[in-house]
Amino acid sequence: MSTPSTIKQPTELRQASLIAAALALAAERSPAEVTTAQLAQAIGVTQGAVFRHFESKEAIWLAVLDDSSERLLASLALAAESHAVDGLKALEAVFAAHVAFVIEHPGLPRLVFQELQRPQDTLLKSHVRRLMHDYRLLLLGLLKRTKEQGRLAPSTDLASATVLFMGAIQGLVMQALVSGDVAAMRAQAPPVFQVLRAGLSA
């Protein structure tokens, strides 16, 4: 006899496949240019089958953003806790984890940058804002802990340090997307963090 979980599983697997396909296609082109026909072809289904799992293309991108956001934030939180006794090392681990995630999933920053450029408010844009908000809270908590450990300069403004940290990563990402060489971030990121660390550390 079928149970609810076994009935749901094929749908959840197909949705996960569509999310992965959309993220992969966004790494190659603007998310706005990705069509449902391309998504269907990527996972070997009909275009009609795509809409049996998601009611619209926007719903697909919402699922992509939410899934990626959850995995990114979990990765950053794990990196932060890997060096709980040394906040500066934790900050470096978070920086490296974010860079590694972007190298693996370059479609995510393309989606985020595209939505932030829209003049009008959209549901997808609100989810991007939520991701940025949650990211800032994680960084603020980590920076506060690092300052309490005496590892930051006493005059460090935590809100400004958060902006600087996020801006350094965004600058690396934007440069990588413009050049088309996202993997180059792997070599570029460590010296950028050292400059950031020099400005923050006690």
Protein backbone atom coordinates (compact mmCIF):
# COMPACT_ATOMS: atom_id res chain seq x y z
CA MET A 1 0.00 0.00 0.00
CA SER A 2 1.30 3.45 -0.89
CA THR A 3 2.01 5.91 1.89
CA PRO A 4 1.90 9.73 1.58
CA SER A 5 5.70 9.86 1.61
CA THR A 6 6.06 7.36 -1.25
CA ILE A 7 3.41 9.22 -3.26
CA LYS A 8 5.17 12.56 -2.80
CA GLN A 9 8.66 11.30 -3.52
CA PRO A 10 8.54 11.35 -7.36
CA THR A 11 7.18 14.92 -7.32
CA GLU A 12 9.84 16.07 -4.85
CA LEU A 13 12.57 14.42 -6.91
CA ARG A 14 11.31 16.04 -10.11
CA GLN A 15 11.10 19.44 -8.41
CA ALA A 16 14.66 19.01 -7.13
CA SER A 17 15.80 18.11 -10.65
CA LEU A 18 14.15 21.24 -12.07
CA ILE A 19 15.75 23.41 -9.36
CA ALA A 20 19.19 21.96 -10.13
CA ALA A 21 18.66 22.38 -13.87
CA ALA A 22 17.55 26.01 -13.49
CA LEU A 23 20.58 26.82 -11.35
CA ALA A 24 22.90 25.16 -13.86
CA LEU A 25 21.34 27.02 -16.81
CA ALA A 26 21.58 30.33 -14.91
CA ALA A 27 25.33 29.76 -14.71
CA GLU A 28 25.50 29.87 -18.51
CA ARG A 29 23.10 32.72 -19.33
CA SER A 30 20.88 35.35 -17.77
CA PRO A 31 18.14 33.71 -15.69
CA ALA A 32 15.62 35.88 -17.57
CA GLU A 33 16.62 34.09 -20.78
CA VAL A 34 16.09 30.58 -19.39
CA THR A 35 12.88 29.11 -20.82
CA THR A 36 10.68 26.35 -19.48
CA ALA A 37 11.35 24.47 -22.74
CA GLN A 38 15.07 24.49 -21.90
CA LEU A 39 14.33 23.32 -18.36
CA ALA A 40 12.16 20.51 -19.69
CA GLN A 41 14.84 19.43 -22.13
CA ALA A 42 17.51 19.53 -19.41
CA ILE A 43 15.74 16.92 -17.32
CA GLY A 44 14.09 14.98 -20.14
CA VAL A 45 10.41 15.83 -19.66
CA THR A 46 7.76 17.69 -21.64
CA GLN A 47 7.15 21.40 -21.10
CA GLY A 48 3.72 20.53 -19.75
CA ALA A 49 5.34 18.34 -17.11
CA VAL A 50 7.28 21.33 -15.83
CA PHE A 51 4.02 23.14 -15.03
CA ARG A 52 2.67 20.10 -13.22
CA HIS A 53 5.43 20.62 -10.65
CA PHE A 54 5.62 24.44 -10.63
CA GLU A 55 2.76 26.79 -11.44
CA SER A 56 4.99 29.36 -13.15
CA LYS A 57 8.57 30.17 -14.07
CA GLU A 58 8.68 32.62 -11.15
CA ALA A 59 7.77 29.75 -8.82
CA ILE A 60 10.76 27.81 -10.16
CA TRP A 61 13.14 30.71 -9.47
CA LEU A 62 11.66 31.17 -6.01
CA ALA A 63 12.36 27.51 -5.30
CA VAL A 64 15.90 27.88 -6.70
CA LEU A 65 16.57 30.91 -4.51
CA ASP A 66 15.10 29.41 -1.36
CA ASP A 67 16.91 26.09 -1.79
CA SER A 68 20.23 27.80 -2.57
CA SER A 69 19.81 30.29 0.28
CA GLU A 70 19.20 27.51 2.77
CA ARG A 71 22.26 25.59 1.65
CA LEU A 72 24.48 28.67 1.51
CA LEU A 73 23.52 29.89 4.98
CA ALA A 74 23.94 26.39 6.42
CA SER A 75 27.41 26.22 4.86
CA LEU A 76 28.36 29.62 6.31
CA ALA A 77 27.03 28.75 9.77
CA LEU A 78 29.02 25.51 9.75
CA ALA A 79 32.16 27.41 8.70
CA ALA A 80 31.60 29.97 11.47
CA GLU A 81 31.29 27.26 14.12
CA SER A 82 34.38 25.42 12.88
CA HIS A 83 36.56 28.03 14.60
CA ALA A 84 34.42 29.08 17.53
CA VAL A 85 37.42 29.98 19.72
CA ASP A 86 39.04 32.25 17.11
CA GLY A 87 36.64 34.65 15.45
CA LEU A 88 39.13 35.84 12.83
CA LYS A 89 39.69 32.29 11.64
CA ALA A 90 35.92 31.80 11.63
CA LEU A 91 35.50 34.92 9.48
CA GLU A 92 38.11 33.58 7.06
CA ALA A 93 36.32 30.23 6.94
CA VAL A 94 33.00 31.96 6.19
CA PHE A 95 34.63 34.04 3.46
CA ALA A 96 36.15 30.92 1.89
CA ALA A 97 32.89 28.96 2.20
CA HIS A 98 30.95 31.67 0.39
CA VAL A 99 33.51 31.85 -2.40
CA ALA A 100 33.48 28.06 -2.76
CA PHE A 101 29.68 28.04 -2.96
CA VAL A 102 29.70 30.67 -5.73
CA ILE A 103 32.34 28.76 -7.69
CA GLU A 104 30.16 25.66 -7.48
CA HIS A 105 26.89 27.54 -8.16
CA PRO A 106 27.57 30.69 -10.23
CA GLY A 107 23.92 30.78 -11.25
CA LEU A 108 22.91 32.01 -7.78
CA PRO A 109 24.69 35.41 -7.90
CA ARG A 110 23.40 35.90 -11.45
CA LEU A 111 19.87 35.43 -10.15
CA VAL A 112 20.45 37.68 -7.12
CA PHE A 113 22.05 40.51 -9.13
CA GLN A 114 19.30 40.32 -11.75
CA GLU A 115 16.56 40.72 -9.15
CA LEU A 116 18.28 43.52 -7.26
CA GLN A 117 18.48 45.53 -10.49
CA ARG A 118 14.72 45.44 -11.04
CA PRO A 119 13.15 48.83 -10.22
CA GLN A 120 9.88 47.26 -9.10
CA ASP A 121 9.30 45.07 -6.06
CA THR A 122 8.67 41.40 -6.78
CA LEU A 123 8.17 38.33 -4.63
CA LEU A 124 11.54 37.05 -5.80
CA LYS A 125 13.20 40.33 -4.87
CA SER A 126 11.72 40.11 -1.38
CA HIS A 127 13.27 36.65 -0.99
CA VAL A 128 16.63 38.07 -2.08
CA ARG A 129 16.28 40.73 0.61
CA ARG A 130 15.53 38.04 3.17
CA LEU A 131 18.68 36.18 2.17
CA MET A 132 20.75 39.36 2.55
CA HIS A 133 19.11 40.06 5.91
CA ASP A 134 19.85 36.57 7.24
CA TYR A 135 23.43 36.82 5.94
CA ARG A 136 23.93 40.16 7.72
CA LEU A 137 22.60 38.72 10.99
CA LEU A 138 25.01 35.78 10.75
CA LEU A 139 27.96 38.11 10.11
CA LEU A 140 26.97 40.57 12.83
CA GLY A 141 26.80 37.75 15.37
CA LEU A 142 30.18 36.43 14.29
CA LEU A 143 31.80 39.87 14.30
CA LYS A 144 30.36 40.62 17.74
CA ARG A 145 31.80 37.36 19.08
CA THR A 146 35.16 38.13 17.47
CA LYS A 147 35.22 41.60 19.02
CA GLU A 148 34.37 40.16 22.45
CA GLN A 149 37.34 37.81 22.04
CA GLY A 150 39.56 40.86 21.63
CA ARG A 151 40.42 39.90 18.07
CA LEU A 152 39.00 43.05 16.46
CA ALA A 153 40.17 46.62 16.90
CA PRO A 154 38.15 48.12 19.80
CA SER A 155 36.91 50.96 17.58
CA THR A 156 35.49 48.59 14.95
CA ASP A 157 31.93 49.47 13.97
CA LEU A 158 30.24 46.09 13.49
CA ALA A 159 27.62 47.28 11.01
CA SER A 160 30.30 48.87 8.83
CA ALA A 161 32.48 45.77 9.10
CA THR A 162 29.53 43.69 7.90
CA VAL A 163 29.08 45.94 4.86
CA LEU A 164 32.81 45.74 4.11
CA PHE A 165 32.85 41.94 4.39
CA MET A 166 29.83 41.46 2.12
CA GLY A 167 31.11 44.10 -0.30
CA ALA A 168 34.47 42.35 -0.65
CA ILE A 169 32.75 39.12 -1.68
CA GLN A 170 30.31 40.89 -3.98
CA GLY A 171 33.21 42.66 -5.66
CA LEU A 172 35.01 39.37 -6.25
CA VAL A 173 31.84 37.78 -7.61
CA MET A 174 31.02 40.67 -9.94
CA GLN A 175 34.58 40.70 -11.30
CA ALA A 176 34.44 36.94 -11.85
CA LEU A 177 31.11 37.11 -13.68
CA VAL A 178 32.35 39.94 -15.91
CA SER A 179 35.57 38.09 -16.77
CA GLY A 180 33.77 34.77 -17.23
CA ASP A 181 36.32 33.02 -15.03
CA VAL A 182 34.49 32.24 -11.80
CA ALA A 183 37.08 29.66 -10.76
CA ALA A 184 39.70 32.45 -10.58
CA MET A 185 38.04 33.51 -7.31
CA ARG A 186 39.75 30.55 -5.64
CA ALA A 187 43.15 32.27 -6.03
CA GLN A 188 41.87 35.85 -5.69
CA ALA A 189 39.90 35.42 -2.47
CA PRO A 190 42.67 34.68 0.09
CA PRO A 191 44.69 37.90 -0.49
CA VAL A 192 41.48 39.94 -0.53
CA PHE A 193 40.55 38.50 2.86
CA GLN A 194 44.00 39.30 4.22
CA VAL A 195 43.47 42.97 3.32
CA LEU A 196 40.09 42.84 5.04
CA ARG A 197 41.57 41.12 8.07
CA ALA A 198 44.34 43.73 8.35
CA GLY A 199 41.73 46.45 8.55
CA LEU A 200 39.66 44.69 11.20
CA SER A 201 42.06 42.91 13.50
CA ALA A 202 43.29 44.32 16.82
